[in-house]
Amino acid sequence: MKNGPLTPCVGMERPLSALADGRLGRLMTWFTLFHTRRCPKCRATYRAMLAVRDGLKKVGRADLASNMLSDER
């Protein structure tokens, strides 16, 4: 896959985003995973979304820990 903007298939950006966030229903989860296993563009987009989500979680935990420490008296 070339470096550059990730472009999933038409109509797949929202399902991929919802899947990465854990907000997708069972049938759409099945369909989205089925499609993603066969489509390199959507697979790359989904993996990038997971990486962003995981990075935001790490930053959020770091911010929370930092705030907790700064609030100690």
N, C-alpha and C. Protein backbone atom coordinates (compact mmCIF):
# COMPACT_ATOMS: atom_id res chain seq x y z
N MET A 1 0.85 -1.19 0.00
CA MET A 1 0.00 0.00 0.00
C MET A 1 0.89 1.24 0.00
N LYS A 2 0.60 2.17 -0.85
CA LYS A 2 1.37 3.40 -0.95
C LYS A 2 1.09 4.31 0.23
N ASN A 3 2.08 5.14 0.55
CA ASN A 3 1.86 6.16 1.57
C ASN A 3 0.96 7.24 1.00
N GLY A 4 0.10 7.76 1.83
CA GLY A 4 -0.81 8.80 1.39
C GLY A 4 -2.10 8.70 2.16
N PRO A 5 -3.07 9.48 1.75
CA PRO A 5 -4.34 9.45 2.48
C PRO A 5 -5.02 8.09 2.34
N LEU A 6 -5.65 7.68 3.42
CA LEU A 6 -6.39 6.43 3.40
C LEU A 6 -7.78 6.69 2.84
N THR A 7 -8.18 5.92 1.88
CA THR A 7 -9.50 6.09 1.29
C THR A 7 -10.21 4.75 1.26
N PRO A 8 -11.12 4.53 2.21
CA PRO A 8 -11.88 3.29 2.19
C PRO A 8 -12.88 3.30 1.05
N CYS A 9 -13.50 2.16 0.81
CA CYS A 9 -14.53 2.06 -0.22
C CYS A 9 -15.69 3.00 0.11
N VAL A 10 -16.41 3.39 -0.92
CA VAL A 10 -17.58 4.26 -0.76
C VAL A 10 -18.55 3.60 0.22
N GLY A 11 -18.99 4.37 1.19
CA GLY A 11 -19.96 3.89 2.16
C GLY A 11 -19.37 3.10 3.32
N MET A 12 -18.05 2.96 3.38
CA MET A 12 -17.45 2.15 4.45
C MET A 12 -16.80 2.97 5.57
N GLU A 13 -16.64 4.27 5.38
CA GLU A 13 -15.94 5.06 6.40
C GLU A 13 -16.68 5.03 7.74
N ARG A 14 -17.99 5.26 7.72
CA ARG A 14 -18.76 5.26 8.97
C ARG A 14 -18.80 3.90 9.64
N PRO A 15 -19.08 2.81 8.88
CA PRO A 15 -19.05 1.50 9.53
C PRO A 15 -17.68 1.16 10.12
N LEU A 16 -16.61 1.50 9.42
CA LEU A 16 -15.27 1.24 9.94
C LEU A 16 -15.01 2.03 11.21
N SER A 17 -15.41 3.29 11.23
CA SER A 17 -15.24 4.12 12.41
C SER A 17 -16.05 3.58 13.59
N ALA A 18 -17.29 3.21 13.32
CA ALA A 18 -18.14 2.66 14.38
C ALA A 18 -17.60 1.33 14.89
N LEU A 19 -17.06 0.51 14.00
CA LEU A 19 -16.45 -0.75 14.40
C LEU A 19 -15.24 -0.51 15.30
N ALA A 20 -14.40 0.42 14.92
CA ALA A 20 -13.21 0.74 15.72
C ALA A 20 -13.59 1.26 17.10
N ASP A 21 -14.72 1.95 17.19
CA ASP A 21 -15.17 2.50 18.47
C ASP A 21 -16.04 1.53 19.26
N GLY A 22 -16.37 0.39 18.67
CA GLY A 22 -17.22 -0.59 19.35
C GLY A 22 -18.69 -0.20 19.36
N ARG A 23 -19.13 0.58 18.39
CA ARG A 23 -20.50 1.08 18.35
C ARG A 23 -21.33 0.46 17.24
N LEU A 24 -20.88 -0.63 16.66
CA LEU A 24 -21.56 -1.20 15.51
C LEU A 24 -22.37 -2.42 15.94
N GLY A 25 -23.57 -2.56 15.40
CA GLY A 25 -24.40 -3.71 15.70
C GLY A 25 -23.81 -5.00 15.16
N ARG A 26 -24.39 -6.12 15.56
CA ARG A 26 -23.82 -7.43 15.21
C ARG A 26 -23.81 -7.70 13.71
N LEU A 27 -24.91 -7.44 13.03
CA LEU A 27 -24.96 -7.71 11.60
C LEU A 27 -23.99 -6.83 10.83
N MET A 28 -23.95 -5.54 11.15
CA MET A 28 -23.02 -4.64 10.46
C MET A 28 -21.58 -4.95 10.84
N THR A 29 -21.35 -5.41 12.07
CA THR A 29 -20.00 -5.83 12.46
C THR A 29 -19.56 -6.98 11.57
N TRP A 30 -20.44 -7.98 11.41
CA TRP A 30 -20.11 -9.13 10.57
C TRP A 30 -19.81 -8.67 9.14
N PHE A 31 -20.69 -7.86 8.58
CA PHE A 31 -20.50 -7.40 7.21
C PHE A 31 -19.21 -6.61 7.06
N THR A 32 -18.96 -5.70 8.00
CA THR A 32 -17.78 -4.83 7.90
C THR A 32 -16.51 -5.65 8.02
N LEU A 33 -16.46 -6.60 8.95
CA LEU A 33 -15.28 -7.46 9.07
C LEU A 33 -15.12 -8.35 7.84
N PHE A 34 -16.23 -8.88 7.32
CA PHE A 34 -16.18 -9.70 6.11
C PHE A 34 -15.57 -8.89 4.96
N HIS A 35 -16.03 -7.68 4.79
CA HIS A 35 -15.51 -6.81 3.72
C HIS A 35 -14.04 -6.46 3.97
N THR A 36 -13.73 -6.11 5.21
CA THR A 36 -12.38 -5.65 5.56
C THR A 36 -11.34 -6.75 5.34
N ARG A 37 -11.71 -7.99 5.57
CA ARG A 37 -10.77 -9.09 5.35
C ARG A 37 -10.38 -9.22 3.88
N ARG A 38 -11.23 -8.76 2.99
CA ARG A 38 -11.01 -8.93 1.56
C ARG A 38 -10.57 -7.65 0.85
N CYS A 39 -10.66 -6.53 1.52
CA CYS A 39 -10.38 -5.25 0.88
C CYS A 39 -9.16 -4.59 1.53
N PRO A 40 -8.04 -4.48 0.81
CA PRO A 40 -6.84 -3.89 1.41
C PRO A 40 -7.02 -2.42 1.80
N LYS A 41 -7.80 -1.66 1.03
CA LYS A 41 -8.00 -0.24 1.36
C LYS A 41 -8.75 -0.10 2.67
N CYS A 42 -9.82 -0.86 2.84
CA CYS A 42 -10.61 -0.76 4.08
C CYS A 42 -9.86 -1.37 5.26
N ARG A 43 -9.09 -2.42 5.02
CA ARG A 43 -8.29 -3.03 6.09
C ARG A 43 -7.26 -2.02 6.60
N ALA A 44 -6.59 -1.33 5.69
CA ALA A 44 -5.60 -0.32 6.10
C ALA A 44 -6.27 0.83 6.85
N THR A 45 -7.43 1.25 6.38
CA THR A 45 -8.15 2.33 7.05
C THR A 45 -8.57 1.91 8.45
N TYR A 46 -9.10 0.70 8.59
CA TYR A 46 -9.52 0.19 9.89
C TYR A 46 -8.34 0.10 10.85
N ARG A 47 -7.23 -0.42 10.38
CA ARG A 47 -6.04 -0.52 11.25
C ARG A 47 -5.57 0.87 11.68
N ALA A 48 -5.62 1.83 10.78
CA ALA A 48 -5.22 3.19 11.14
C ALA A 48 -6.17 3.78 12.17
N MET A 49 -7.47 3.52 12.01
CA MET A 49 -8.46 4.00 12.99
C MET A 49 -8.21 3.39 14.36
N LEU A 50 -7.89 2.09 14.40
CA LEU A 50 -7.58 1.44 15.68
C LEU A 50 -6.34 2.05 16.32
N ALA A 51 -5.34 2.35 15.51
CA ALA A 51 -4.12 2.95 16.04
C ALA A 51 -4.40 4.33 16.62
N VAL A 52 -5.21 5.12 15.95
CA VAL A 52 -5.57 6.44 16.46
C VAL A 52 -6.35 6.30 17.76
N ARG A 53 -7.33 5.39 17.78
CA ARG A 53 -8.13 5.16 18.99
C ARG A 53 -7.23 4.76 20.16
N ASP A 54 -6.32 3.82 19.93
CA ASP A 54 -5.42 3.37 21.00
C ASP A 54 -4.51 4.49 21.47
N GLY A 55 -4.02 5.30 20.53
CA GLY A 55 -3.18 6.44 20.91
C GLY A 55 -3.95 7.45 21.74
N LEU A 56 -5.19 7.71 21.37
CA LEU A 56 -6.01 8.65 22.15
C LEU A 56 -6.29 8.11 23.55
N LYS A 57 -6.50 6.81 23.67
CA LYS A 57 -6.71 6.21 24.99
C LYS A 57 -5.48 6.38 25.86
N LYS A 58 -4.29 6.15 25.27
CA LYS A 58 -3.05 6.30 26.02
C LYS A 58 -2.86 7.74 26.47
N VAL A 59 -3.12 8.69 25.58
CA VAL A 59 -2.99 10.11 25.92
C VAL A 59 -3.99 10.46 27.02
N GLY A 60 -5.20 9.95 26.91
CA GLY A 60 -6.22 10.21 27.92
C GLY A 60 -5.82 9.69 29.28
N ARG A 61 -5.23 8.50 29.33
CA ARG A 61 -4.78 7.95 30.61
C ARG A 61 -3.63 8.76 31.16
N ALA A 62 -2.73 9.20 30.27
CA ALA A 62 -1.60 10.01 30.73
C ALA A 62 -2.09 11.35 31.27
N ASP A 63 -3.06 11.97 30.60
CA ASP A 63 -3.61 13.24 31.07
C ASP A 63 -4.31 13.05 32.41
N LEU A 64 -5.06 11.96 32.55
CA LEU A 64 -5.76 11.69 33.81
C LEU A 64 -4.77 11.51 34.95
N ALA A 65 -3.71 10.72 34.71
CA ALA A 65 -2.70 10.51 35.75
C ALA A 65 -2.01 11.82 36.11
N SER A 66 -1.71 12.62 35.09
CA SER A 66 -1.07 13.90 35.33
C SER A 66 -1.97 14.82 36.16
N ASN A 67 -3.26 14.86 35.83
CA ASN A 67 -4.20 15.69 36.57
C ASN A 67 -4.35 15.20 38.00
N MET A 68 -4.37 13.91 38.20
CA MET A 68 -4.51 13.37 39.55
C MET A 68 -3.30 13.74 40.40
N LEU A 69 -2.11 13.65 39.82
CA LEU A 69 -0.90 13.98 40.56
C LEU A 69 -0.84 15.47 40.88
N SER A 70 -1.26 16.31 39.95
CA SER A 70 -1.18 17.75 40.19
C SER A 70 -2.23 18.22 41.20
N ASP A 71 -3.30 17.44 41.41
CA ASP A 71 -4.32 17.79 42.37
C ASP A 71 -4.00 17.37 43.79
N GLU A 72 -2.92 16.53 43.94
CA GLU A 72 -2.55 16.10 45.29
C GLU A 72 -2.03 17.30 46.07
N ARG A 73 -2.33 17.29 47.33
CA ARG A 73 -1.87 18.41 48.16
C ARG A 73 -0.81 17.96 49.11
